[in-house]
Amino acid sequence: MANTKSAIKAARKSVRLALRNKAAKTRLKGLHKRFDSAVKSGDAAVAKATGKAYLSAMDRAVKSGVVHRNAASRAKSHASKYVLAK
């Protein structure tokens, strides 16, 4: 257990941020799965819409520090190939 006031606050903050990060990562995984299934189905309109949502969510995750910017850039690059191709 934390002893100092600052350590107690840091422990509370850690729990709060971990929940935020987990929610953001879960949302990204769900969007990625939806995007993949749309690409595999061959429906260009749905793939484009889900791709835009995925890219937007990835940008928000980078902004809040949940995902590293280079990892997000790589993921966005891979997704953009399918969004722009159709």
PDB file of N, CA and C in Angstrom:
ATOM      1  N   MET A   1       0.848  -1.185   0.000  1.00  0.00           N
ATOM      2  CA  MET A   1       0.000   0.000   0.000  1.00  0.00           C
ATOM      3  C   MET A   1       0.886   1.238   0.000  1.00  0.00           C
ATOM      4  N   ALA A   2       0.407   2.261  -0.692  1.00  0.00           N
ATOM      5  CA  ALA A   2       1.154   3.507  -0.785  1.00  0.00           C
ATOM      6  C   ALA A   2       1.179   4.212   0.568  1.00  0.00           C
ATOM      7  N   ASN A   3       2.307   4.839   0.871  1.00  0.00           N
ATOM      8  CA  ASN A   3       2.475   5.492   2.160  1.00  0.00           C
ATOM      9  C   ASN A   3       2.266   7.002   2.106  1.00  0.00           C
ATOM     10  N   THR A   4       2.765   7.630   1.079  1.00  0.00           N
ATOM     11  CA  THR A   4       2.681   9.087   1.017  1.00  0.00           C
ATOM     12  C   THR A   4       1.417   9.524   0.282  1.00  0.00           C
ATOM     13  N   LYS A   5       1.075  10.787   0.510  1.00  0.00           N
ATOM     14  CA  LYS A   5      -0.117  11.344  -0.118  1.00  0.00           C
ATOM     15  C   LYS A   5      -0.005  11.323  -1.642  1.00  0.00           C
ATOM     16  N   SER A   6       1.175  11.649  -2.146  1.00  0.00           N
ATOM     17  CA  SER A   6       1.370  11.673  -3.594  1.00  0.00           C
ATOM     18  C   SER A   6       1.312  10.268  -4.186  1.00  0.00           C
ATOM     19  N   ALA A   7       1.801   9.278  -3.447  1.00  0.00           N
ATOM     20  CA  ALA A   7       1.756   7.898  -3.932  1.00  0.00           C
ATOM     21  C   ALA A   7       0.323   7.362  -3.948  1.00  0.00           C
ATOM     22  N   ILE A   8      -0.471   7.778  -2.979  1.00  0.00           N
ATOM     23  CA  ILE A   8      -1.882   7.369  -2.939  1.00  0.00           C
ATOM     24  C   ILE A   8      -2.618   7.956  -4.146  1.00  0.00           C
ATOM     25  N   LYS A   9      -2.344   9.236  -4.413  1.00  0.00           N
ATOM     26  CA  LYS A   9      -2.966   9.885  -5.565  1.00  0.00           C
ATOM     27  C   LYS A   9      -2.501   9.232  -6.865  1.00  0.00           C
ATOM     28  N   ALA A  10      -1.228   8.901  -6.950  1.00  0.00           N
ATOM     29  CA  ALA A  10      -0.685   8.259  -8.151  1.00  0.00           C
ATOM     30  C   ALA A  10      -1.324   6.895  -8.377  1.00  0.00           C
ATOM     31  N   ALA A  11      -1.598   6.171  -7.308  1.00  0.00           N
ATOM     32  CA  ALA A  11      -2.245   4.859  -7.425  1.00  0.00           C
ATOM     33  C   ALA A  11      -3.673   5.013  -7.944  1.00  0.00           C
ATOM     34  N   ARG A  12      -4.392   6.013  -7.436  1.00  0.00           N
ATOM     35  CA  ARG A  12      -5.760   6.275  -7.929  1.00  0.00           C
ATOM     36  C   ARG A  12      -5.729   6.644  -9.406  1.00  0.00           C
ATOM     37  N   LYS A  13      -4.783   7.495  -9.757  1.00  0.00           N
ATOM     38  CA  LYS A  13      -4.649   7.957 -11.132  1.00  0.00           C
ATOM     39  C   LYS A  13      -4.306   6.799 -12.061  1.00  0.00           C
ATOM     40  N   SER A  14      -3.456   5.914 -11.598  1.00  0.00           N
ATOM     41  CA  SER A  14      -3.054   4.756 -12.387  1.00  0.00           C
ATOM     42  C   SER A  14      -4.246   3.872 -12.729  1.00  0.00           C
ATOM     43  N   VAL A  15      -5.116   3.659 -11.764  1.00  0.00           N
ATOM     44  CA  VAL A  15      -6.318   2.845 -11.993  1.00  0.00           C
ATOM     45  C   VAL A  15      -7.228   3.525 -13.012  1.00  0.00           C
ATOM     46  N   ARG A  16      -7.419   4.820 -12.860  1.00  0.00           N
ATOM     47  CA  ARG A  16      -8.291   5.569 -13.757  1.00  0.00           C
ATOM     48  C   ARG A  16      -7.758   5.548 -15.193  1.00  0.00           C
ATOM     49  N   LEU A  17      -6.463   5.779 -15.349  1.00  0.00           N
ATOM     50  CA  LEU A  17      -5.869   5.805 -16.682  1.00  0.00           C
ATOM     51  C   LEU A  17      -5.839   4.414 -17.315  1.00  0.00           C
ATOM     52  N   ALA A  18      -5.643   3.386 -16.495  1.00  0.00           N
ATOM     53  CA  ALA A  18      -5.635   2.022 -17.022  1.00  0.00           C
ATOM     54  C   ALA A  18      -7.014   1.657 -17.580  1.00  0.00           C
ATOM     55  N   LEU A  19      -8.072   2.094 -16.904  1.00  0.00           N
ATOM     56  CA  LEU A  19      -9.426   1.851 -17.405  1.00  0.00           C
ATOM     57  C   LEU A  19      -9.671   2.587 -18.719  1.00  0.00           C
ATOM     58  N   ARG A  20      -9.194   3.810 -18.793  1.00  0.00           N
ATOM     59  CA  ARG A  20      -9.345   4.597 -20.028  1.00  0.00           C
ATOM     60  C   ARG A  20      -8.604   3.938 -21.180  1.00  0.00           C
ATOM     61  N   ASN A  21      -7.374   3.498 -20.904  1.00  0.00           N
ATOM     62  CA  ASN A  21      -6.567   2.860 -21.941  1.00  0.00           C
ATOM     63  C   ASN A  21      -7.204   1.563 -22.413  1.00  0.00           C
ATOM     64  N   LYS A  22      -7.716   0.778 -21.471  1.00  0.00           N
ATOM     65  CA  LYS A  22      -8.339  -0.498 -21.823  1.00  0.00           C
ATOM     66  C   LYS A  22      -9.569  -0.273 -22.694  1.00  0.00           C
ATOM     67  N   ALA A  23     -10.377   0.735 -22.353  1.00  0.00           N
ATOM     68  CA  ALA A  23     -11.571   1.048 -23.137  1.00  0.00           C
ATOM     69  C   ALA A  23     -11.193   1.468 -24.557  1.00  0.00           C
ATOM     70  N   ALA A  24     -10.173   2.304 -24.672  1.00  0.00           N
ATOM     71  CA  ALA A  24      -9.749   2.784 -25.989  1.00  0.00           C
ATOM     72  C   ALA A  24      -9.203   1.643 -26.835  1.00  0.00           C
ATOM     73  N   LYS A  25      -8.396   0.777 -26.234  1.00  0.00           N
ATOM     74  CA  LYS A  25      -7.821  -0.343 -26.983  1.00  0.00           C
ATOM     75  C   LYS A  25      -8.893  -1.336 -27.411  1.00  0.00           C
ATOM     76  N   THR A  26      -9.872  -1.572 -26.543  1.00  0.00           N
ATOM     77  CA  THR A  26     -10.967  -2.480 -26.881  1.00  0.00           C
ATOM     78  C   THR A  26     -11.772  -1.916 -28.046  1.00  0.00           C
ATOM     79  N   ARG A  27     -12.028  -0.614 -28.010  1.00  0.00           N
ATOM     80  CA  ARG A  27     -12.756   0.037 -29.100  1.00  0.00           C
ATOM     81  C   ARG A  27     -11.976  -0.070 -30.404  1.00  0.00           C
ATOM     82  N   LEU A  28     -10.669   0.135 -30.347  1.00  0.00           N
ATOM     83  CA  LEU A  28      -9.841   0.030 -31.550  1.00  0.00           C
ATOM     84  C   LEU A  28      -9.875  -1.389 -32.125  1.00  0.00           C
ATOM     85  N   LYS A  29      -9.809  -2.374 -31.252  1.00  0.00           N
ATOM     86  CA  LYS A  29      -9.836  -3.761 -31.720  1.00  0.00           C
ATOM     87  C   LYS A  29     -11.158  -4.081 -32.406  1.00  0.00           C
ATOM     88  N   GLY A  30     -12.253  -3.604 -31.828  1.00  0.00           N
ATOM     89  CA  GLY A  30     -13.568  -3.836 -32.417  1.00  0.00           C
ATOM     90  C   GLY A  30     -13.701  -3.164 -33.781  1.00  0.00           C
ATOM     91  N   LEU A  31     -13.230  -1.920 -33.870  1.00  0.00           N
ATOM     92  CA  LEU A  31     -13.289  -1.202 -35.142  1.00  0.00           C
ATOM     93  C   LEU A  31     -12.422  -1.877 -36.195  1.00  0.00           C
ATOM     94  N   HIS A  32     -11.276  -2.379 -35.759  1.00  0.00           N
ATOM     95  CA  HIS A  32     -10.370  -3.055 -36.690  1.00  0.00           C
ATOM     96  C   HIS A  32     -11.006  -4.346 -37.224  1.00  0.00           C
ATOM     97  N   LYS A  33     -11.665  -5.086 -36.345  1.00  0.00           N
ATOM     98  CA  LYS A  33     -12.335  -6.317 -36.777  1.00  0.00           C
ATOM     99  C   LYS A  33     -13.456  -6.005 -37.761  1.00  0.00           C
ATOM    100  N   ARG A  34     -14.237  -4.947 -37.474  1.00  0.00           N
ATOM    101  CA  ARG A  34     -15.318  -4.561 -38.381  1.00  0.00           C
ATOM    102  C   ARG A  34     -14.763  -4.131 -39.736  1.00  0.00           C
ATOM    103  N   PHE A  35     -13.653  -3.403 -39.701  1.00  0.00           N
ATOM    104  CA  PHE A  35     -13.017  -2.947 -40.936  1.00  0.00           C
ATOM    105  C   PHE A  35     -12.516  -4.138 -41.741  1.00  0.00           C
ATOM    106  N   ASP A  36     -11.850  -5.080 -41.094  1.00  0.00           N
ATOM    107  CA  ASP A  36     -11.347  -6.275 -41.787  1.00  0.00           C
ATOM    108  C   ASP A  36     -12.474  -7.075 -42.424  1.00  0.00           C
ATOM    109  N   SER A  37     -13.558  -7.249 -41.685  1.00  0.00           N
ATOM    110  CA  SER A  37     -14.670  -8.027 -42.232  1.00  0.00           C
ATOM    111  C   SER A  37     -15.312  -7.291 -43.406  1.00  0.00           C
ATOM    112  N   ALA A  38     -15.364  -5.959 -43.365  1.00  0.00           N
ATOM    113  CA  ALA A  38     -15.914  -5.183 -44.475  1.00  0.00           C
ATOM    114  C   ALA A  38     -15.035  -5.298 -45.707  1.00  0.00           C
ATOM    115  N   VAL A  39     -13.720  -5.292 -45.509  1.00  0.00           N
ATOM    116  CA  VAL A  39     -12.791  -5.425 -46.629  1.00  0.00           C
ATOM    117  C   VAL A  39     -12.912  -6.816 -47.246  1.00  0.00           C
ATOM    118  N   LYS A  40     -12.989  -7.841 -46.391  1.00  0.00           N
ATOM    119  CA  LYS A  40     -13.087  -9.213 -46.892  1.00  0.00           C
ATOM    120  C   LYS A  40     -14.401  -9.471 -47.608  1.00  0.00           C
ATOM    121  N   SER A  41     -15.481  -8.791 -47.188  1.00  0.00           N
ATOM    122  CA  SER A  41     -16.776  -8.983 -47.837  1.00  0.00           C
ATOM    123  C   SER A  41     -16.800  -8.340 -49.224  1.00  0.00           C
ATOM    124  N   GLY A  42     -15.927  -7.361 -49.447  1.00  0.00           N
ATOM    125  CA  GLY A  42     -15.839  -6.730 -50.763  1.00  0.00           C
ATOM    126  C   GLY A  42     -16.744  -5.525 -50.943  1.00  0.00           C
ATOM    127  N   ASP A  43     -17.456  -5.125 -49.904  1.00  0.00           N
ATOM    128  CA  ASP A  43     -18.343  -3.966 -49.993  1.00  0.00           C
ATOM    129  C   ASP A  43     -17.519  -2.692 -49.783  1.00  0.00           C
ATOM    130  N   ALA A  44     -17.300  -1.964 -50.871  1.00  0.00           N
ATOM    131  CA  ALA A  44     -16.411  -0.802 -50.826  1.00  0.00           C
ATOM    132  C   ALA A  44     -16.958   0.323 -49.958  1.00  0.00           C
ATOM    133  N   ALA A  45     -18.258   0.561 -50.009  1.00  0.00           N
ATOM    134  CA  ALA A  45     -18.847   1.664 -49.247  1.00  0.00           C
ATOM    135  C   ALA A  45     -18.731   1.420 -47.748  1.00  0.00           C
ATOM    136  N   VAL A  46     -19.033   0.194 -47.338  1.00  0.00           N
ATOM    137  CA  VAL A  46     -18.946  -0.142 -45.909  1.00  0.00           C
ATOM    138  C   VAL A  46     -17.486  -0.123 -45.460  1.00  0.00           C
ATOM    139  N   ALA A  47     -16.590  -0.626 -46.303  1.00  0.00           N
ATOM    140  CA  ALA A  47     -15.161  -0.639 -45.968  1.00  0.00           C
ATOM    141  C   ALA A  47     -14.640   0.780 -45.795  1.00  0.00           C
ATOM    142  N   LYS A  48     -15.080   1.673 -46.651  1.00  0.00           N
ATOM    143  CA  LYS A  48     -14.633   3.070 -46.564  1.00  0.00           C
ATOM    144  C   LYS A  48     -15.151   3.725 -45.280  1.00  0.00           C
ATOM    145  N   ALA A  49     -16.417   3.480 -44.954  1.00  0.00           N
ATOM    146  CA  ALA A  49     -17.006   4.080 -43.757  1.00  0.00           C
ATOM    147  C   ALA A  49     -16.354   3.547 -42.484  1.00  0.00           C
ATOM    148  N   THR A  50     -16.189   2.238 -42.416  1.00  0.00           N
ATOM    149  CA  THR A  50     -15.563   1.656 -41.220  1.00  0.00           C
ATOM    150  C   THR A  50     -14.080   2.018 -41.152  1.00  0.00           C
ATOM    151  N   GLY A  51     -13.451   2.152 -42.309  1.00  0.00           N
ATOM    152  CA  GLY A  51     -12.043   2.562 -42.346  1.00  0.00           C
ATOM    153  C   GLY A  51     -11.859   3.960 -41.798  1.00  0.00           C
ATOM    154  N   LYS A  52     -12.750   4.864 -42.173  1.00  0.00           N
ATOM    155  CA  LYS A  52     -12.677   6.242 -41.666  1.00  0.00           C
ATOM    156  C   LYS A  52     -12.858   6.266 -40.154  1.00  0.00           C
ATOM    157  N   ALA A  53     -13.806   5.474 -39.659  1.00  0.00           N
ATOM    158  CA  ALA A  53     -14.045   5.419 -38.209  1.00  0.00           C
ATOM    159  C   ALA A  53     -12.818   4.866 -37.486  1.00  0.00           C
ATOM    160  N   TYR A  54     -12.207   3.843 -38.066  1.00  0.00           N
ATOM    161  CA  TYR A  54     -11.010   3.237 -37.472  1.00  0.00           C
ATOM    162  C   TYR A  54      -9.849   4.232 -37.452  1.00  0.00           C
ATOM    163  N   LEU A  55      -9.629   4.930 -38.551  1.00  0.00           N
ATOM    164  CA  LEU A  55      -8.534   5.897 -38.614  1.00  0.00           C
ATOM    165  C   LEU A  55      -8.745   7.041 -37.633  1.00  0.00           C
ATOM    166  N   SER A  56      -9.981   7.485 -37.513  1.00  0.00           N
ATOM    167  CA  SER A  56     -10.300   8.561 -36.581  1.00  0.00           C
ATOM    168  C   SER A  56     -10.062   8.126 -35.134  1.00  0.00           C
ATOM    169  N   ALA A  57     -10.497   6.912 -34.815  1.00  0.00           N
ATOM    170  CA  ALA A  57     -10.308   6.396 -33.455  1.00  0.00           C
ATOM    171  C   ALA A  57      -8.825   6.221 -33.153  1.00  0.00           C
ATOM    172  N   MET A  58      -8.066   5.822 -34.150  1.00  0.00           N
ATOM    173  CA  MET A  58      -6.624   5.650 -33.969  1.00  0.00           C
ATOM    174  C   MET A  58      -5.964   7.000 -33.679  1.00  0.00           C
ATOM    175  N   ASP A  59      -6.392   8.038 -34.385  1.00  0.00           N
ATOM    176  CA  ASP A  59      -5.854   9.381 -34.134  1.00  0.00           C
ATOM    177  C   ASP A  59      -6.163   9.841 -32.715  1.00  0.00           C
ATOM    178  N   ARG A  60      -7.391   9.559 -32.254  1.00  0.00           N
ATOM    179  CA  ARG A  60      -7.761   9.944 -30.888  1.00  0.00           C
ATOM    180  C   ARG A  60      -6.954   9.164 -29.856  1.00  0.00           C
ATOM    181  N   ALA A  61      -6.660   7.916 -30.143  1.00  0.00           N
ATOM    182  CA  ALA A  61      -5.870   7.101 -29.220  1.00  0.00           C
ATOM    183  C   ALA A  61      -4.439   7.627 -29.126  1.00  0.00           C
ATOM    184  N   VAL A  62      -3.909   8.099 -30.232  1.00  0.00           N
ATOM    185  CA  VAL A  62      -2.557   8.677 -30.220  1.00  0.00           C
ATOM    186  C   VAL A  62      -2.563   9.973 -29.428  1.00  0.00           C
ATOM    187  N   LYS A  63      -3.599  10.760 -29.630  1.00  0.00           N
ATOM    188  CA  LYS A  63      -3.699  12.058 -28.953  1.00  0.00           C
ATOM    189  C   LYS A  63      -3.706  11.904 -27.438  1.00  0.00           C
ATOM    190  N   SER A  64      -4.358  10.842 -26.952  1.00  0.00           N
ATOM    191  CA  SER A  64      -4.426  10.635 -25.507  1.00  0.00           C
ATOM    192  C   SER A  64      -3.284   9.771 -24.984  1.00  0.00           C
ATOM    193  N   GLY A  65      -2.409   9.316 -25.882  1.00  0.00           N
ATOM    194  CA  GLY A  65      -1.232   8.571 -25.451  1.00  0.00           C
ATOM    195  C   GLY A  65      -1.464   7.082 -25.246  1.00  0.00           C
ATOM    196  N   VAL A  66      -2.572   6.565 -25.747  1.00  0.00           N
ATOM    197  CA  VAL A  66      -2.879   5.148 -25.576  1.00  0.00           C
ATOM    198  C   VAL A  66      -2.052   4.303 -26.540  1.00  0.00           C
ATOM    199  N   VAL A  67      -1.874   4.821 -27.761  1.00  0.00           N
ATOM    200  CA  VAL A  67      -1.121   4.109 -28.800  1.00  0.00           C
ATOM    201  C   VAL A  67       0.050   4.995 -29.211  1.00  0.00           C
ATOM    202  N   HIS A  68       1.201   4.384 -29.456  1.00  0.00           N
ATOM    203  CA  HIS A  68       2.371   5.130 -29.911  1.00  0.00           C
ATOM    204  C   HIS A  68       2.113   5.650 -31.317  1.00  0.00           C
ATOM    205  N   ARG A  69       2.608   6.853 -31.598  1.00  0.00           N
ATOM    206  CA  ARG A  69       2.291   7.477 -32.886  1.00  0.00           C
ATOM    207  C   ARG A  69       2.824   6.690 -34.072  1.00  0.00           C
ATOM    208  N   ASN A  70       3.980   6.047 -33.926  1.00  0.00           N
ATOM    209  CA  ASN A  70       4.513   5.267 -35.038  1.00  0.00           C
ATOM    210  C   ASN A  70       3.685   4.010 -35.273  1.00  0.00           C
ATOM    211  N   ALA A  71       3.207   3.388 -34.211  1.00  0.00           N
ATOM    212  CA  ALA A  71       2.352   2.207 -34.344  1.00  0.00           C
ATOM    213  C   ALA A  71       1.038   2.595 -35.018  1.00  0.00           C
ATOM    214  N   ALA A  72       0.499   3.742 -34.639  1.00  0.00           N
ATOM    215  CA  ALA A  72      -0.743   4.211 -35.246  1.00  0.00           C
ATOM    216  C   ALA A  72      -0.522   4.561 -36.714  1.00  0.00           C
ATOM    217  N   SER A  73       0.594   5.166 -37.003  1.00  0.00           N
ATOM    218  CA  SER A  73       0.909   5.519 -38.381  1.00  0.00           C
ATOM    219  C   SER A  73       1.002   4.274 -39.249  1.00  0.00           C
ATOM    220  N   ARG A  74       1.614   3.239 -38.720  1.00  0.00           N
ATOM    221  CA  ARG A  74       1.740   1.979 -39.446  1.00  0.00           C
ATOM    222  C   ARG A  74       0.358   1.351 -39.677  1.00  0.00           C
ATOM    223  N   ALA A  75      -0.475   1.341 -38.651  1.00  0.00           N
ATOM    224  CA  ALA A  75      -1.819   0.771 -38.766  1.00  0.00           C
ATOM    225  C   ALA A  75      -2.660   1.572 -39.753  1.00  0.00           C
ATOM    226  N   LYS A  76      -2.545   2.893 -39.694  1.00  0.00           N
ATOM    227  CA  LYS A  76      -3.300   3.747 -40.602  1.00  0.00           C
ATOM    228  C   LYS A  76      -2.848   3.554 -42.043  1.00  0.00           C
ATOM    229  N   SER A  77      -1.563   3.343 -42.231  1.00  0.00           N
ATOM    230  CA  SER A  77      -1.033   3.106 -43.568  1.00  0.00           C
ATOM    231  C   SER A  77      -1.596   1.820 -44.156  1.00  0.00           C
ATOM    232  N   HIS A  78      -1.624   0.766 -43.344  1.00  0.00           N
ATOM    233  CA  HIS A  78      -2.156  -0.513 -43.798  1.00  0.00           C
ATOM    234  C   HIS A  78      -3.648  -0.383 -44.138  1.00  0.00           C
ATOM    235  N   ALA A  79      -4.386   0.317 -43.300  1.00  0.00           N
ATOM    236  CA  ALA A  79      -5.830   0.482 -43.510  1.00  0.00           C
ATOM    237  C   ALA A  79      -6.103   1.371 -44.720  1.00  0.00           C
ATOM    238  N   SER A  80      -5.290   2.388 -44.917  1.00  0.00           N
ATOM    239  CA  SER A  80      -5.511   3.327 -46.012  1.00  0.00           C
ATOM    240  C   SER A  80      -5.379   2.660 -47.372  1.00  0.00           C
ATOM    241  N   LYS A  81      -4.567   1.630 -47.456  1.00  0.00           N
ATOM    242  CA  LYS A  81      -4.415   0.912 -48.719  1.00  0.00           C
ATOM    243  C   LYS A  81      -5.756   0.376 -49.203  1.00  0.00           C
ATOM    244  N   TYR A  82      -6.575  -0.092 -48.258  1.00  0.00           N
ATOM    245  CA  TYR A  82      -7.882  -0.644 -48.617  1.00  0.00           C
ATOM    246  C   TYR A  82      -8.923   0.451 -48.795  1.00  0.00           C
ATOM    247  N   VAL A  83      -8.844   1.492 -47.993  1.00  0.00           N
ATOM    248  CA  VAL A  83      -9.832   2.560 -48.080  1.00  0.00           C
ATOM    249  C   VAL A  83      -9.663   3.338 -49.383  1.00  0.00           C
ATOM    250  N   LEU A  84      -8.438   3.646 -49.754  1.00  0.00           N
ATOM    251  CA  LEU A  84      -8.194   4.438 -50.934  1.00  0.00           C
ATOM    252  C   LEU A  84      -8.253   3.626 -52.227  1.00  0.00           C
ATOM    253  N   ALA A  85      -8.054   2.329 -52.124  1.00  0.00           N
ATOM    254  CA  ALA A  85      -8.016   1.483 -53.317  1.00  0.00           C
ATOM    255  C   ALA A  85      -9.400   1.327 -53.945  1.00  0.00           C
ATOM    256  N   LYS A  86     -10.435   1.426 -53.143  1.00  0.00           N
ATOM    257  CA  LYS A  86     -11.777   1.149 -53.675  1.00  0.00           C
ATOM    258  C   LYS A  86     -12.585   2.402 -53.855  1.00  0.00           C
TER     259      LYS A  86
END
